[in-house]
Amino acid sequence: MILSESMVEILRLLNEFGFCDIRHIEKRFNVGKSVAYNNLKCLIQYGLITNARVIQYHPRAYYLTAKGINLLKLDLPIIRGIPLNIFEHQLAVIDVFIKLRMMHPEAAWVSERRLAREVKKHDHLPDGVLIFPQGHQCAIEVEKSMKSRDRLKDILIGYGLQKTYKEVWYFCSKNIMPAISELTSNMPYIKIHTLSEYSI
């Protein structure tokens, strides 16, 4: 079995996010659909990844097998299936990650899957964290639909009380931006962006 550098990086991407679709491979590695597909096809043939159709007419989602995790000694847990209730949200998170990586190539990304190993289970986790070379960290939140007002207020206030994240960047669907803007009007550490501008 011979893996190209691109194939290894695909496995690492899947480890970080749990799953993605072919669009993310194209954009993350700046390759055409045929190259992305051939890499994924080889990884499937090697038994390192598998795929599933989670939503009809949507591109298939790719994720690691136990063999893929063991081969590279990857450190995040295997997923046994892709929950429908987080599917579209997680794809949006990966979209945002790819765009932010283009805009801030100097920053490191820490995924929610990685954060989950390091914090107490009752703590709220952002969807990702950007860590800049000078040391400051920005929490990334992707909101496609509105949480309950009380839950959202608790999260926002919690960010104001902590000292880990210098800022929190919210990427919101247009329909919920007015509500988010209202709740964060006195919270200068919250920066709001339109999610559609970060879609790939």
Protein backbone atom coordinates (compact mmCIF):
# COMPACT_ATOMS: atom_id res chain seq x y z
CA MET A 1 0.00 0.00 0.00
CA ILE A 2 1.48 3.32 -1.09
CA LEU A 3 -0.15 6.51 0.11
CA SER A 4 0.56 9.87 -1.47
CA GLU A 5 1.03 12.91 0.73
CA SER A 6 -2.43 14.10 -0.36
CA MET A 7 -4.02 10.83 0.76
CA VAL A 8 -2.35 11.08 4.16
CA GLU A 9 -3.64 14.64 4.54
CA ILE A 10 -7.17 13.51 3.59
CA LEU A 11 -7.03 10.92 6.37
CA ARG A 12 -5.88 13.59 8.82
CA LEU A 13 -8.69 15.92 7.72
CA LEU A 14 -11.26 13.17 8.31
CA ASN A 15 -9.71 12.45 11.70
CA GLU A 16 -10.11 16.09 12.69
CA PHE A 17 -13.69 16.59 11.55
CA GLY A 18 -15.13 13.08 11.57
CA PHE A 19 -16.39 13.26 8.00
CA CYS A 20 -16.57 15.50 4.95
CA ASP A 21 -17.75 15.36 1.35
CA ILE A 22 -15.86 15.60 -1.93
CA ARG A 23 -16.31 19.38 -2.17
CA HIS A 24 -14.19 19.80 0.92
CA ILE A 25 -11.41 17.67 -0.53
CA GLU A 26 -11.44 19.78 -3.70
CA LYS A 27 -11.31 23.09 -1.86
CA ARG A 28 -8.99 22.11 0.99
CA PHE A 29 -6.35 20.65 -1.33
CA ASN A 30 -7.06 22.87 -4.37
CA VAL A 31 -7.65 19.98 -6.76
CA GLY A 32 -10.27 19.18 -9.37
CA LYS A 33 -13.13 16.77 -8.81
CA SER A 34 -11.47 13.93 -10.75
CA VAL A 35 -8.27 14.12 -8.67
CA ALA A 36 -10.27 14.31 -5.43
CA TYR A 37 -12.42 11.37 -6.49
CA ASN A 38 -9.41 9.24 -7.48
CA ASN A 39 -7.76 9.84 -4.11
CA LEU A 40 -10.94 8.91 -2.28
CA LYS A 41 -11.44 5.85 -4.50
CA CYS A 42 -7.94 4.59 -3.68
CA LEU A 43 -8.47 5.13 0.04
CA ILE A 44 -11.72 3.15 -0.15
CA GLN A 45 -10.00 0.34 -2.05
CA TYR A 46 -7.29 0.23 0.63
CA GLY A 47 -10.04 -0.06 3.24
CA LEU A 48 -8.94 3.14 5.01
CA ILE A 49 -12.17 5.09 4.53
CA THR A 50 -15.79 4.38 3.75
CA ASN A 51 -18.71 6.52 2.62
CA ALA A 52 -22.44 6.90 3.04
CA ARG A 53 -25.33 8.81 1.48
CA VAL A 54 -26.71 10.68 4.47
CA ILE A 55 -29.17 12.95 2.61
CA GLN A 56 -30.70 12.08 -0.75
CA TYR A 57 -29.14 13.98 -3.68
CA HIS A 58 -26.37 15.32 -1.44
CA PRO A 59 -22.74 14.26 -2.12
CA ARG A 60 -21.70 11.18 -0.19
CA ALA A 61 -19.93 11.67 3.15
CA TYR A 62 -16.53 10.05 3.67
CA TYR A 63 -15.18 8.91 7.03
CA LEU A 64 -12.40 6.77 8.46
CA THR A 65 -12.43 3.05 9.11
CA ALA A 66 -10.63 1.45 12.04
CA LYS A 67 -7.91 0.40 9.59
CA GLY A 68 -7.40 4.02 8.51
CA ILE A 69 -7.13 5.20 12.09
CA ASN A 70 -4.72 2.44 13.07
CA LEU A 71 -2.49 2.86 10.02
CA LEU A 72 -1.54 6.44 10.89
CA LYS A 73 -2.08 5.98 14.63
CA LEU A 74 -4.64 8.77 14.56
CA ASP A 75 -5.80 9.96 17.94
CA LEU A 76 -9.49 10.81 17.71
CA PRO A 77 -12.28 8.24 18.07
CA ILE A 78 -13.81 6.41 15.13
CA ILE A 79 -17.35 7.33 14.16
CA ARG A 80 -19.67 4.41 13.54
CA GLY A 81 -22.21 6.39 11.56
CA ILE A 82 -23.08 9.98 10.76
CA PRO A 83 -25.96 11.40 12.83
CA LEU A 84 -28.44 13.18 10.61
CA ASN A 85 -29.05 15.89 13.23
CA ILE A 86 -25.46 17.19 13.02
CA PHE A 87 -24.72 16.45 9.36
CA GLU A 88 -25.44 19.79 7.69
CA HIS A 89 -24.09 21.77 10.63
CA GLN A 90 -20.77 19.91 10.53
CA LEU A 91 -20.46 20.43 6.77
CA ALA A 92 -20.95 24.17 7.37
CA VAL A 93 -18.22 24.09 10.03
CA ILE A 94 -15.81 22.53 7.53
CA ASP A 95 -16.76 25.20 4.96
CA VAL A 96 -15.88 27.90 7.50
CA PHE A 97 -12.63 26.13 8.43
CA ILE A 98 -11.51 26.02 4.77
CA LYS A 99 -12.29 29.70 4.19
CA LEU A 100 -10.62 30.78 7.43
CA ARG A 101 -7.57 28.71 6.61
CA MET A 102 -7.26 30.60 3.31
CA MET A 103 -7.65 33.95 5.08
CA HIS A 104 -5.41 33.12 8.05
CA PRO A 105 -2.84 30.54 6.90
CA GLU A 106 -0.65 31.42 9.86
CA ALA A 107 -3.27 30.24 12.38
CA ALA A 108 -3.71 26.69 13.67
CA TRP A 109 -7.16 25.11 13.89
CA VAL A 110 -8.37 22.97 16.78
CA SER A 111 -11.55 21.03 16.07
CA GLU A 112 -14.47 20.42 18.41
CA ARG A 113 -13.62 16.71 18.32
CA ARG A 114 -10.18 17.49 19.70
CA LEU A 115 -11.49 19.98 22.25
CA ALA A 116 -13.92 17.36 23.55
CA ARG A 117 -11.02 15.29 24.88
CA GLU A 118 -9.65 18.17 26.92
CA VAL A 119 -12.59 19.72 28.75
CA LYS A 120 -15.26 18.66 31.20
CA LYS A 121 -18.32 17.16 29.57
CA HIS A 122 -20.70 19.84 30.87
CA ASP A 123 -18.66 22.70 29.40
CA HIS A 124 -19.85 24.33 26.18
CA LEU A 125 -17.51 23.66 23.28
CA PRO A 126 -17.09 25.97 20.30
CA ASP A 127 -17.19 24.44 16.83
CA GLY A 128 -13.49 25.14 16.49
CA VAL A 129 -10.70 27.38 17.69
CA LEU A 130 -8.19 29.45 15.73
CA ILE A 131 -4.85 29.87 17.48
CA PHE A 132 -2.70 32.68 16.11
CA PRO A 133 1.12 32.72 16.30
CA GLN A 134 1.11 35.51 18.88
CA GLY A 135 -0.86 33.20 21.14
CA HIS A 136 -4.36 34.63 21.15
CA GLN A 137 -7.24 32.28 20.47
CA CYS A 138 -10.58 32.87 18.74
CA ALA A 139 -13.53 30.58 19.34
CA ILE A 140 -15.52 29.75 16.20
CA GLU A 141 -19.28 29.25 16.35
CA VAL A 142 -21.44 28.24 13.37
CA GLU A 143 -25.18 28.83 13.76
CA LYS A 144 -27.51 27.66 11.01
CA SER A 145 -30.60 27.70 13.22
CA MET A 146 -31.52 29.51 16.41
CA LYS A 147 -30.90 27.94 19.80
CA SER A 148 -33.33 28.78 22.57
CA ARG A 149 -32.82 32.36 23.72
CA ASP A 150 -31.89 31.31 27.26
CA ARG A 151 -29.38 28.72 26.05
CA LEU A 152 -27.76 31.20 23.70
CA LYS A 153 -27.55 33.87 26.41
CA ASP A 154 -25.86 31.39 28.74
CA ILE A 155 -23.26 30.57 26.08
CA LEU A 156 -22.59 34.23 25.26
CA ILE A 157 -22.26 35.24 28.91
CA GLY A 158 -20.01 32.23 29.49
CA TYR A 159 -17.68 33.48 26.79
CA GLY A 160 -17.59 36.87 28.52
CA LEU A 161 -16.53 35.29 31.82
CA GLN A 162 -13.73 33.10 30.48
CA LYS A 163 -10.16 34.13 29.68
CA THR A 164 -9.12 31.55 27.09
CA TYR A 165 -10.60 33.16 23.98
CA LYS A 166 -9.81 36.74 23.05
CA GLU A 167 -12.77 36.86 20.64
CA VAL A 168 -15.66 34.71 19.52
CA TRP A 169 -16.49 34.71 15.82
CA TYR A 170 -20.10 33.78 15.04
CA PHE A 171 -20.96 32.65 11.51
CA CYS A 172 -24.73 32.89 11.25
CA SER A 173 -27.46 32.25 8.74
CA LYS A 174 -29.08 35.50 7.64
CA ASN A 175 -32.42 34.65 9.22
CA ILE A 176 -30.96 34.50 12.73
CA MET A 177 -28.48 37.38 12.47
CA PRO A 178 -30.91 40.00 13.88
CA ALA A 179 -31.49 37.95 17.03
CA ILE A 180 -27.78 37.23 17.49
CA SER A 181 -26.91 40.88 16.89
CA GLU A 182 -29.45 42.01 19.47
CA LEU A 183 -28.15 39.63 22.13
CA THR A 184 -24.51 40.57 21.51
CA SER A 185 -24.92 44.34 21.17
CA ASN A 186 -23.06 44.94 24.45
CA MET A 187 -20.51 42.18 23.95
CA PRO A 188 -17.55 43.60 22.01
CA TYR A 189 -15.72 40.27 22.16
CA ILE A 190 -18.36 38.75 19.82
CA LYS A 191 -17.81 39.28 16.08
CA ILE A 192 -20.67 38.33 13.74
CA HIS A 193 -20.25 37.14 10.12
CA THR A 194 -22.72 36.02 7.48
CA LEU A 195 -22.42 32.26 7.09
CA SER A 196 -23.31 32.26 3.38
CA GLU A 197 -20.16 34.27 2.63
CA TYR A 198 -18.08 31.40 3.97
CA SER A 199 -19.81 28.59 2.11
CA ILE A 200 -17.73 26.75 -0.47
